[in-house]
Amino acid sequence: MTFFDKLNAAIARNQSLLFLGLDPNPEMMPSQNSNRSEKSIIDDLGDWLQFVIAQTTDLICAYKPTLGFYQALGVPGIELLERTLKAIPENIPIILDAKHSDLNTSTIFAQTVFERWRVDAVTLSPYPGQDCVAPFLVYPGKGIFILCCTSNPGAIALQQYPSPESPFYLQIVKEAKIWGTPEQVCLEVGTTSPDVLAKIRAITPERTIMARSIWAQASNLPQLLAAGLNSNGSGLLVPVPQDFLSQKNPATQIQALRQEVEQARTAAVKSASQCDVWFPNVCLLQQHPHTQLILQLYDLGCIIFGNYVQASGAEFPYYIDLRTIISNPQVFEQVLNAYAEILQNLNFDRIAGIPYGSLPTATGLALRMNYPMIFPRKEVKAHGTRRVIEGHFQPGETVVVVDDILISGKSAIEGAGKLKSAGLNVEDIVVFIDHEEGVRDRLKDNGYRAHAVLKISEITQTLYEAGKIDEAQYQTLTGSSDQ
């Protein structure tokens, strides 16, 4: 089970958004757990943490041990961490609070936390950039939390730079969104301000937010939940105050807090269903299956507005550029998965990419699905073999054509024609985006079945409902697709 699935299952099972820090802090340990007989401080801390786990497994949705507390105790502290991790039930996700930020040790640290310690997620610092995050993302099903905001007063000068209207912490959020999928990359937000949570939620409706420091001042829980919850009334993890753990029976207070949070959560969801939610236009109660992918494509700048001449010669008031996808492995993987969902239901012997835009996609699909790949040359060289088709094949084989965007269908039809001239059969053409210019009928007239991951109308509607484009841009896109 992935971190994301395990977290959602724990939230549903325990009816709780609460996460609990498991920190061996001697200052927080109750007096009844210390100085008992001849036990060492490590043993006392271990017994206390085991007691806390036993008291709370049905009250929280995740545990969050802070690595720094264990490191401060030296080698015995790391041994205590390993014992504590093993004591946590398998169905409760573990978020290791490490704030890791060293690029040189990222690979070995990722291996330690995910393979040796077998935690489900880890917190990372954003400042080394995506290179530091990448070693953690190669572990399927694991999660990372990017620290984007802290409540420390001394950090205000940095976080609010260059201005409170356009703060640096929001830039971190925007960058983190393109580092991985919503199931992989989450956010850590330390704040007592509903306004900060609301700003972050507005630009990232799809991400899980782990709130921190919300109890540092007299907080307004209903406002914080209304600002931080997503449209489904989830997506926000709420911390249990650390001073609860110094009590003789912490379960009593945590149970009361869980009930308070659930009541405020219910009220926030009910209020949102009666008025504007965190999306400015429409409540996304029934999202497109590729909503998150569409939003990430927009964030990557794959959709831009202006007067652009397409490869077909037509002039559109916008341009879709998918070439940047190959520079973002996480998004590219989602694109390949979307193609593969269509290809797995088709019959073919080889995959053919159309130069040049779809060649990386065809290569990725060939590797993922274990099919040989070929491609028709855009132009035939005047030297060498002078081949029209690159790659090995046998006449009579069936080839599925993979292209990126279907506007006029010219490139796909020309490529399929070259394949057929070499004695190959072409029945299906699969593209990522169909501009809905009536080309499907043209392909059908030429003997091809067209399949598309997304239609331009689906992209337009999703972006508009998520508040990514305004009314004028919405009309621009819909007007073009209606032509």
Protein backbone atom coordinates (compact mmCIF):
# COMPACT_ATOMS: atom_id res chain seq x y z
CA MET A 1 0.00 0.00 0.00
CA THR A 2 1.33 3.44 -0.90
CA PHE A 3 1.80 6.23 1.63
CA PHE A 4 -1.10 8.14 0.09
CA ASP A 5 -3.44 5.12 0.28
CA LYS A 6 -2.32 4.22 3.80
CA LEU A 7 -2.87 7.80 4.98
CA ASN A 8 -6.36 8.05 3.51
CA ALA A 9 -7.27 4.64 4.91
CA ALA A 10 -6.14 5.71 8.40
CA ILE A 11 -8.07 8.97 8.15
CA ALA A 12 -11.23 7.09 7.20
CA ARG A 13 -10.77 4.28 9.71
CA ASN A 14 -10.01 6.49 12.72
CA GLN A 15 -12.10 9.46 11.57
CA SER A 16 -9.13 11.65 12.33
CA LEU A 17 -6.95 14.27 10.65
CA LEU A 18 -4.58 14.30 13.62
CA PHE A 19 -0.92 13.34 13.37
CA LEU A 20 1.26 12.78 16.42
CA GLY A 21 4.92 13.59 16.95
CA LEU A 22 6.93 10.78 18.52
CA ASP A 23 9.86 12.73 19.89
CA PRO A 24 12.14 11.43 22.70
CA ASN A 25 12.29 14.80 24.40
CA PRO A 26 13.20 14.32 28.08
CA GLU A 27 11.65 17.71 28.90
CA MET A 28 8.24 16.51 27.75
CA MET A 29 8.36 13.06 29.37
CA PRO A 30 5.95 12.70 32.33
CA SER A 31 7.58 12.33 35.72
CA GLN A 32 6.08 8.91 36.27
CA ASN A 33 8.06 7.62 33.27
CA SER A 34 11.47 8.85 34.45
CA ASN A 35 13.98 7.81 37.10
CA ARG A 36 12.37 4.46 37.67
CA SER A 37 14.75 1.96 39.28
CA GLU A 38 18.06 1.65 37.42
CA LYS A 39 16.78 2.18 33.91
CA SER A 40 18.67 4.55 31.64
CA ILE A 41 17.12 7.66 30.14
CA ILE A 42 16.99 5.85 26.77
CA ASP A 43 14.96 3.03 28.30
CA ASP A 44 12.64 5.53 30.00
CA LEU A 45 12.08 7.40 26.75
CA GLY A 46 11.49 4.15 24.90
CA ASP A 47 8.89 2.95 27.40
CA TRP A 48 7.16 6.33 27.23
CA LEU A 49 6.97 6.32 23.42
CA GLN A 50 5.66 2.75 23.43
CA PHE A 51 2.96 3.85 25.89
CA VAL A 52 2.00 6.81 23.69
CA ILE A 53 1.70 4.56 20.62
CA ALA A 54 -0.50 2.09 22.50
CA GLN A 55 -2.75 4.95 23.65
CA THR A 56 -3.25 6.56 20.23
CA THR A 57 -3.34 4.03 17.38
CA ASP A 58 -7.10 4.47 16.97
CA LEU A 59 -7.07 8.26 17.38
CA ILE A 60 -4.60 9.55 14.80
CA CYS A 61 -3.88 9.16 11.08
CA ALA A 62 -0.07 9.30 11.14
CA TYR A 63 2.97 9.33 13.41
CA LYS A 64 5.79 11.83 12.92
CA PRO A 65 9.06 11.06 14.68
CA THR A 66 11.56 13.96 14.51
CA LEU A 67 14.98 12.64 13.51
CA GLY A 68 16.87 15.44 15.29
CA PHE A 69 15.69 14.35 18.74
CA TYR A 70 16.97 10.82 18.15
CA GLN A 71 20.27 12.02 16.66
CA ALA A 72 20.86 14.21 19.71
CA LEU A 73 20.97 11.04 21.84
CA GLY A 74 23.79 9.57 19.75
CA VAL A 75 23.99 5.93 18.69
CA PRO A 76 21.53 4.82 21.43
CA GLY A 77 19.10 7.39 20.03
CA ILE A 78 19.20 5.88 16.53
CA GLU A 79 18.67 2.45 18.07
CA LEU A 80 15.69 3.92 19.95
CA LEU A 81 14.32 5.28 16.67
CA GLU A 82 14.48 1.85 15.08
CA ARG A 83 12.71 0.25 18.05
CA THR A 84 10.04 2.95 18.00
CA LEU A 85 9.42 2.54 14.27
CA LYS A 86 8.95 -1.20 14.71
CA ALA A 87 6.38 -0.59 17.44
CA ILE A 88 4.10 1.40 15.15
CA PRO A 89 1.29 -0.69 13.61
CA GLU A 90 1.72 -1.37 9.91
CA ASN A 91 -1.57 0.32 9.02
CA ILE A 92 -0.51 3.71 10.44
CA PRO A 93 1.75 5.74 8.10
CA ILE A 94 5.05 7.12 9.40
CA ILE A 95 6.31 10.56 8.37
CA LEU A 96 9.96 10.98 9.35
CA ASP A 97 10.58 14.65 10.13
CA ALA A 98 14.14 15.06 8.85
CA LYS A 99 14.16 18.38 6.94
CA HIS A 100 16.93 16.80 4.86
CA SER A 101 18.75 19.33 2.68
CA ASP A 102 22.13 17.88 1.67
CA LEU A 103 22.39 16.98 -2.00
CA ASN A 104 25.50 14.83 -1.56
CA THR A 105 23.85 12.48 0.92
CA SER A 106 20.35 12.39 -0.55
CA THR A 107 20.73 9.03 -2.28
CA ILE A 108 22.09 7.16 0.74
CA PHE A 109 19.69 8.91 3.10
CA ALA A 110 16.71 7.98 0.91
CA GLN A 111 17.91 4.39 0.93
CA THR A 112 18.21 4.43 4.72
CA VAL A 113 14.80 5.91 5.49
CA PHE A 114 12.83 3.96 2.89
CA GLU A 115 14.66 0.61 2.79
CA ARG A 116 16.21 0.22 6.23
CA TRP A 117 13.76 2.15 8.38
CA ARG A 118 10.81 1.52 6.04
CA VAL A 119 9.06 4.80 6.80
CA ASP A 120 6.30 5.94 4.48
CA ALA A 121 7.24 9.59 3.97
CA VAL A 122 9.95 12.11 4.86
CA THR A 123 10.20 15.89 5.20
CA LEU A 124 12.73 17.73 2.99
CA SER A 125 14.05 21.26 2.66
CA PRO A 126 13.33 22.88 -0.72
CA TYR A 127 16.47 24.98 -1.07
CA PRO A 128 18.73 22.45 -2.86
CA GLY A 129 15.97 22.17 -5.48
CA GLN A 130 14.59 19.22 -7.39
CA ASP A 131 17.98 17.49 -7.60
CA CYS A 132 17.87 16.85 -3.87
CA VAL A 133 14.31 15.57 -4.05
CA ALA A 134 14.77 13.20 -7.00
CA PRO A 135 16.53 10.36 -5.08
CA PHE A 136 13.50 10.09 -2.80
CA LEU A 137 11.01 10.00 -5.67
CA VAL A 138 12.49 6.86 -7.23
CA TYR A 139 10.88 4.82 -4.45
CA PRO A 140 7.37 3.89 -5.64
CA GLY A 141 4.59 4.56 -3.19
CA LYS A 142 6.64 6.75 -0.84
CA GLY A 143 5.84 10.37 -0.04
CA ILE A 144 7.80 13.54 0.66
CA PHE A 145 6.76 16.73 2.42
CA ILE A 146 8.41 19.93 1.22
CA LEU A 147 8.82 22.58 3.92
CA CYS A 148 7.44 25.71 2.28
CA CYS A 149 6.60 27.89 5.26
CA THR A 150 7.55 28.14 8.93
CA SER A 151 6.06 30.11 11.81
CA ASN A 152 9.43 31.28 13.11
CA PRO A 153 9.33 35.09 13.48
CA GLY A 154 12.91 35.33 12.28
CA ALA A 155 11.93 33.74 8.96
CA ILE A 156 9.43 36.44 8.01
CA ALA A 157 12.03 38.54 6.21
CA LEU A 158 12.83 35.59 3.94
CA GLN A 159 9.38 34.11 3.52
CA GLN A 160 7.65 37.40 2.74
CA TYR A 161 10.29 38.45 0.21
CA PRO A 162 9.95 40.33 -2.11
CA SER A 163 6.52 41.41 -0.80
CA PRO A 164 3.64 40.09 1.30
CA GLU A 165 1.51 40.09 -1.86
CA SER A 166 3.96 37.84 -3.69
CA PRO A 167 5.83 35.97 -0.93
CA PHE A 168 8.70 33.60 -1.53
CA TYR A 169 6.94 30.72 0.23
CA LEU A 170 4.32 30.66 -2.53
CA GLN A 171 7.08 30.37 -5.11
CA ILE A 172 8.32 27.30 -3.23
CA VAL A 173 4.82 25.82 -3.43
CA LYS A 174 4.65 26.45 -7.18
CA GLU A 175 8.04 24.82 -7.73
CA ALA A 176 7.27 21.82 -5.52
CA LYS A 177 4.13 21.12 -7.54
CA ILE A 178 6.16 20.23 -10.61
CA TRP A 179 8.60 18.01 -8.72
CA GLY A 180 6.20 15.11 -8.35
CA THR A 181 2.61 13.94 -8.38
CA PRO A 182 0.12 14.87 -5.63
CA GLU A 183 0.54 11.35 -4.27
CA GLN A 184 4.32 11.83 -4.05
CA VAL A 185 4.91 15.46 -3.12
CA CYS A 186 3.05 17.05 -0.19
CA LEU A 187 3.62 20.29 1.70
CA GLU A 188 4.64 21.16 5.25
CA VAL A 189 3.25 24.49 6.44
CA GLY A 190 4.07 26.04 9.80
CA THR A 191 1.66 28.88 10.50
CA THR A 192 -0.98 30.24 12.85
CA SER A 193 -2.56 32.24 10.03
CA PRO A 194 -5.63 31.04 8.09
CA ASP A 195 -4.66 33.53 5.40
CA VAL A 196 -1.34 31.73 4.76
CA LEU A 197 -3.10 28.37 4.52
CA ALA A 198 -5.74 29.85 2.20
CA LYS A 199 -3.10 31.27 -0.17
CA ILE A 200 -1.30 27.95 -0.37
CA ARG A 201 -4.51 25.96 -0.82
CA ALA A 202 -5.66 28.32 -3.58
CA ILE A 203 -2.69 27.49 -5.79
CA THR A 204 -2.45 23.84 -4.87
CA PRO A 205 -5.94 22.38 -4.40
CA GLU A 206 -4.68 18.86 -4.97
CA ARG A 207 -1.85 18.56 -2.41
CA THR A 208 -1.84 17.20 1.12
CA ILE A 209 -0.77 19.84 3.65
CA MET A 210 0.79 18.94 6.99
CA ALA A 211 0.09 21.91 9.24
CA ARG A 212 2.54 22.82 11.98
CA SER A 213 2.60 25.31 14.85
CA ILE A 214 -1.13 26.06 14.66
CA TRP A 215 -1.39 25.83 18.46
CA ALA A 216 1.48 28.27 19.10
CA GLN A 217 -1.04 31.05 19.68
CA ALA A 218 -4.75 31.13 20.48
CA SER A 219 -5.75 29.72 17.10
CA ASN A 220 -9.10 29.76 15.43
CA LEU A 221 -9.55 26.13 14.44
CA PRO A 222 -12.67 26.58 12.25
CA GLN A 223 -10.95 29.26 10.15
CA LEU A 224 -7.77 27.22 9.84
CA LEU A 225 -9.67 24.15 8.67
CA ALA A 226 -11.81 26.14 6.25
CA ALA A 227 -8.65 27.60 4.74
CA GLY A 228 -6.62 24.40 4.61
CA LEU A 229 -9.06 21.63 3.73
CA ASN A 230 -9.51 20.65 0.11
CA SER A 231 -12.82 20.41 -1.72
CA ASN A 232 -13.40 16.90 -0.34
CA GLY A 233 -12.98 18.01 3.26
CA SER A 234 -9.57 16.36 3.53
CA GLY A 235 -6.00 17.05 2.45
CA LEU A 236 -5.01 18.70 5.74
CA LEU A 237 -3.15 17.03 8.61
CA VAL A 238 -3.51 18.63 12.04
CA PRO A 239 -0.86 18.24 14.77
CA VAL A 240 -1.53 16.99 18.27
CA PRO A 241 -0.06 19.54 20.74
CA GLN A 242 3.13 18.12 22.23
CA ASP A 243 2.13 19.05 25.77
CA PHE A 244 -0.70 16.50 25.54
CA LEU A 245 1.94 13.77 25.73
CA SER A 246 3.18 14.96 29.11
CA GLN A 247 -0.17 14.05 30.65
CA LYS A 248 -0.76 10.82 32.55
CA ASN A 249 -3.52 9.79 30.13
CA PRO A 250 -2.91 11.57 26.78
CA ALA A 251 -5.62 9.57 25.01
CA THR A 252 -8.35 11.51 26.82
CA GLN A 253 -7.21 14.89 25.54
CA ILE A 254 -6.41 13.60 22.06
CA GLN A 255 -9.85 12.02 21.78
CA ALA A 256 -11.47 15.34 22.71
CA LEU A 257 -9.30 17.17 20.18
CA ARG A 258 -10.20 14.66 17.47
CA GLN A 259 -13.88 15.31 18.13
CA GLU A 260 -13.33 19.07 18.04
CA VAL A 261 -11.48 18.83 14.72
CA GLU A 262 -14.12 16.56 13.20
CA GLN A 263 -16.90 18.94 14.23
CA ALA A 264 -15.05 21.91 12.74
CA ARG A 265 -14.26 19.87 9.65
CA THR A 266 -17.91 18.95 9.16
CA ALA A 267 -18.95 22.58 9.58
CA ALA A 268 -16.31 23.73 7.07
CA VAL A 269 -17.43 21.20 4.46
CA LYS A 270 -21.08 22.09 4.99
CA SER A 271 -20.31 25.79 4.66
CA ALA A 272 -18.27 25.21 1.51
CA SER A 273 -21.12 23.28 -0.10
CA GLN A 274 -23.38 26.29 0.36
CA CYS A 275 -21.03 28.95 -0.99
CA ASP A 276 -17.77 29.44 -2.84
CA VAL A 277 -15.18 26.83 -1.99
CA TRP A 278 -11.46 27.10 -2.53
CA PHE A 279 -12.04 27.08 -6.29
CA PRO A 280 -13.33 30.42 -7.60
CA ASN A 281 -15.70 29.09 -10.26
CA VAL A 282 -17.14 25.61 -9.76
CA CYS A 283 -16.90 22.98 -7.05
CA LEU A 284 -15.06 19.98 -8.44
CA LEU A 285 -17.24 17.29 -6.96
CA GLN A 286 -16.67 15.08 -9.99
CA GLN A 287 -13.18 15.66 -11.25
CA HIS A 288 -11.78 14.52 -14.57
CA PRO A 289 -9.67 11.35 -14.03
CA HIS A 290 -6.61 13.27 -15.26
CA THR A 291 -7.31 16.49 -13.32
CA GLN A 292 -3.98 16.49 -11.50
CA LEU A 293 -2.06 15.89 -14.71
CA ILE A 294 -3.88 18.74 -16.47
CA LEU A 295 -3.08 21.12 -13.60
CA GLN A 296 0.58 20.14 -13.62
CA LEU A 297 0.83 20.63 -17.38
CA TYR A 298 -0.49 24.14 -16.91
CA ASP A 299 1.95 24.82 -14.08
CA LEU A 300 4.81 23.66 -16.32
CA GLY A 301 3.87 26.29 -18.88
CA CYS A 302 2.68 23.80 -21.50
CA ILE A 303 -0.33 26.04 -22.25
CA ILE A 304 0.39 29.66 -23.18
CA PHE A 305 -1.81 32.40 -24.61
CA GLY A 306 -1.15 34.66 -27.60
CA ASN A 307 -1.36 34.44 -31.39
CA TYR A 308 0.54 31.35 -32.55
CA VAL A 309 0.82 29.64 -35.94
CA GLN A 310 0.47 25.89 -35.57
CA ALA A 311 2.41 23.29 -37.56
CA SER A 312 -0.71 22.87 -39.70
CA GLY A 313 -0.52 26.56 -40.69
CA ALA A 314 -3.65 27.48 -38.70
CA GLU A 315 -3.41 30.41 -36.28
CA PHE A 316 -4.70 29.84 -32.74
CA PRO A 317 -4.98 32.32 -29.82
CA TYR A 318 -3.01 29.87 -27.67
CA TYR A 319 -0.24 27.31 -28.01
CA ILE A 320 0.28 23.93 -26.38
CA ASP A 321 3.94 22.95 -26.06
CA LEU A 322 4.50 19.46 -24.68
CA ARG A 323 8.27 19.37 -25.26
CA THR A 324 9.07 20.52 -21.73
CA ILE A 325 7.43 17.41 -20.29
CA ILE A 326 10.47 15.25 -21.01
CA SER A 327 12.51 17.46 -18.65
CA ASN A 328 10.21 16.62 -15.74
CA PRO A 329 10.41 12.87 -15.04
CA GLN A 330 7.45 12.80 -12.65
CA VAL A 331 5.03 14.45 -15.07
CA PHE A 332 6.45 12.50 -18.01
CA GLU A 333 5.76 9.28 -16.13
CA GLN A 334 2.12 10.30 -15.68
CA VAL A 335 1.86 11.05 -19.40
CA LEU A 336 3.27 7.61 -20.24
CA ASN A 337 0.81 5.97 -17.84
CA ALA A 338 -2.08 7.76 -19.54
CA TYR A 339 -0.95 6.60 -22.98
CA ALA A 340 -0.41 3.06 -21.69
CA GLU A 341 -3.99 2.87 -20.40
CA ILE A 342 -5.16 3.25 -24.01
CA LEU A 343 -2.47 1.11 -25.65
CA GLN A 344 -3.08 -1.89 -23.39
CA ASN A 345 -6.51 -2.33 -24.99
CA LEU A 346 -5.19 -2.30 -28.56
CA ASN A 347 -3.65 -5.05 -30.69
CA PHE A 348 -0.25 -4.31 -32.22
CA ASP A 349 3.25 -5.73 -32.67
CA ARG A 350 5.32 -2.54 -32.60
CA ILE A 351 5.09 1.07 -31.48
CA ALA A 352 5.89 3.86 -33.93
CA GLY A 353 6.60 7.44 -32.90
CA ILE A 354 6.14 10.41 -35.23
CA PRO A 355 9.22 12.68 -35.43
CA TYR A 356 10.10 14.67 -33.60
CA GLY A 357 7.71 15.53 -30.78
CA SER A 358 6.47 12.05 -29.96
CA LEU A 359 9.75 10.13 -30.22
CA PRO A 360 10.54 10.41 -26.46
CA THR A 361 7.00 9.27 -25.67
CA ALA A 362 7.19 6.31 -28.04
CA THR A 363 10.57 5.35 -26.57
CA GLY A 364 9.22 5.52 -23.03
CA LEU A 365 6.17 3.44 -23.95
CA ALA A 366 8.31 0.84 -25.71
CA LEU A 367 10.43 0.43 -22.60
CA ARG A 368 7.47 0.46 -20.22
CA MET A 369 5.29 -1.96 -22.19
CA ASN A 370 8.15 -4.09 -23.56
CA TYR A 371 7.28 -3.58 -27.23
CA PRO A 372 9.81 -2.94 -30.01
CA MET A 373 9.83 0.56 -31.47
CA ILE A 374 10.30 1.94 -34.96
CA PHE A 375 9.74 5.37 -36.50
CA PRO A 376 9.26 6.82 -39.98
CA ARG A 377 11.87 9.40 -40.86
CA LYS A 378 10.71 12.96 -41.32
CA GLU A 379 13.11 13.25 -44.23
CA VAL A 380 15.15 10.55 -45.96
CA LYS A 381 18.92 11.00 -45.79
CA ALA A 382 20.83 11.22 -49.06
CA HIS A 383 23.60 9.07 -47.63
CA GLY A 384 23.97 5.87 -45.62
CA THR A 385 21.11 3.38 -45.77
CA ARG A 386 18.57 5.99 -46.96
CA ARG A 387 15.89 4.22 -44.94
CA VAL A 388 12.37 5.55 -44.71
CA ILE A 389 11.70 3.52 -41.55
CA GLU A 390 14.26 3.25 -38.74
CA GLY A 391 14.32 0.06 -36.68
CA HIS A 392 13.75 -3.62 -37.39
CA PHE A 393 10.36 -4.92 -38.51
CA GLN A 394 8.68 -7.55 -40.65
CA PRO A 395 6.18 -6.68 -43.40
CA GLY A 396 2.68 -7.64 -42.34
CA GLU A 397 3.15 -6.63 -38.70
CA THR A 398 0.66 -4.28 -37.06
CA VAL A 399 1.99 -0.97 -35.77
CA VAL A 400 0.29 1.50 -33.43
CA VAL A 401 1.20 5.11 -34.15
CA VAL A 402 1.91 7.45 -31.22
CA ASP A 403 1.74 11.21 -31.75
CA ASP A 404 1.52 14.18 -29.39
CA ILE A 405 -1.19 16.58 -30.64
CA LEU A 406 -3.97 16.08 -33.16
CA ILE A 407 -4.85 19.34 -34.94
CA SER A 408 -4.99 18.70 -38.70
CA GLY A 409 -3.79 15.10 -38.52
CA LYS A 410 -1.25 15.78 -41.28
CA SER A 411 1.85 14.46 -39.48
CA ALA A 412 0.08 11.34 -38.20
CA ILE A 413 -1.41 10.50 -41.62
CA GLU A 414 1.91 11.09 -43.39
CA GLY A 415 3.77 8.95 -40.87
CA ALA A 416 1.22 6.16 -41.06
CA GLY A 417 1.44 6.32 -44.85
CA LYS A 418 5.21 5.75 -44.77
CA LEU A 419 4.73 2.78 -42.46
CA LYS A 420 2.11 1.27 -44.76
CA SER A 421 4.35 1.80 -47.79
CA ALA A 422 6.86 -0.50 -46.09
CA GLY A 423 4.27 -3.27 -45.81
CA LEU A 424 3.14 -2.61 -42.26
CA ASN A 425 -0.45 -2.47 -41.04
CA VAL A 426 -1.64 0.65 -39.20
CA GLU A 427 -5.05 0.61 -37.56
CA ASP A 428 -4.77 2.86 -34.50
CA ILE A 429 -3.32 6.33 -33.90
CA VAL A 430 -2.99 7.41 -30.25
CA VAL A 431 -2.38 11.06 -29.33
CA PHE A 432 -2.11 12.96 -26.08
CA ILE A 433 -4.36 15.90 -26.97
CA ASP A 434 -7.16 16.09 -29.52
CA HIS A 435 -7.92 19.68 -30.53
CA GLU A 436 -11.37 18.50 -31.67
CA GLU A 437 -11.04 20.07 -35.12
CA GLY A 438 -12.96 17.21 -36.75
CA VAL A 439 -9.77 15.29 -37.53
CA ARG A 440 -11.07 12.03 -36.05
CA ASP A 441 -13.50 11.77 -38.98
CA ARG A 442 -10.68 12.50 -41.41
CA LEU A 443 -8.58 9.73 -39.88
CA LYS A 444 -11.55 7.38 -39.99
CA ASP A 445 -11.98 8.14 -43.69
CA ASN A 446 -8.35 7.11 -44.16
CA GLY A 447 -8.89 3.83 -42.34
CA TYR A 448 -7.51 4.75 -38.91
CA ARG A 449 -9.04 4.70 -35.44
CA ALA A 450 -8.10 7.75 -33.37
CA HIS A 451 -7.64 7.67 -29.60
CA ALA A 452 -6.78 10.61 -27.34
CA VAL A 453 -5.78 10.86 -23.68
CA LEU A 454 -7.31 14.34 -23.42
CA LYS A 455 -9.56 16.61 -25.43
CA ILE A 456 -8.98 20.36 -25.55
CA SER A 457 -12.47 20.89 -24.12
CA GLU A 458 -11.64 18.69 -21.11
CA ILE A 459 -8.44 20.63 -20.46
CA THR A 460 -10.27 23.94 -20.76
CA GLN A 461 -13.06 22.97 -18.40
CA THR A 462 -10.69 21.57 -15.78
CA LEU A 463 -8.45 24.65 -15.80
CA TYR A 464 -11.42 26.97 -15.55
CA GLU A 465 -13.03 25.07 -12.69
CA ALA A 466 -9.71 25.01 -10.83
CA GLY A 467 -9.31 28.75 -11.21
CA LYS A 468 -6.20 28.44 -13.38
CA ILE A 469 -7.65 30.48 -16.26
CA ASP A 470 -10.07 33.39 -16.22
CA GLU A 471 -13.31 33.87 -18.14
CA ALA A 472 -11.59 35.49 -21.14
CA GLN A 473 -9.06 32.67 -21.46
CA TYR A 474 -11.83 30.12 -21.04
CA GLN A 475 -13.74 31.70 -23.93
CA THR A 476 -10.55 31.80 -25.99
CA LEU A 477 -10.00 28.07 -25.60
CA THR A 478 -13.62 27.03 -25.99
CA GLY A 479 -14.09 29.34 -28.97
CA SER A 480 -11.15 27.74 -30.71
CA SER A 481 -12.31 24.20 -30.02
CA ASP A 482 -15.77 25.03 -31.36
CA GLN A 483 -14.41 26.16 -34.72
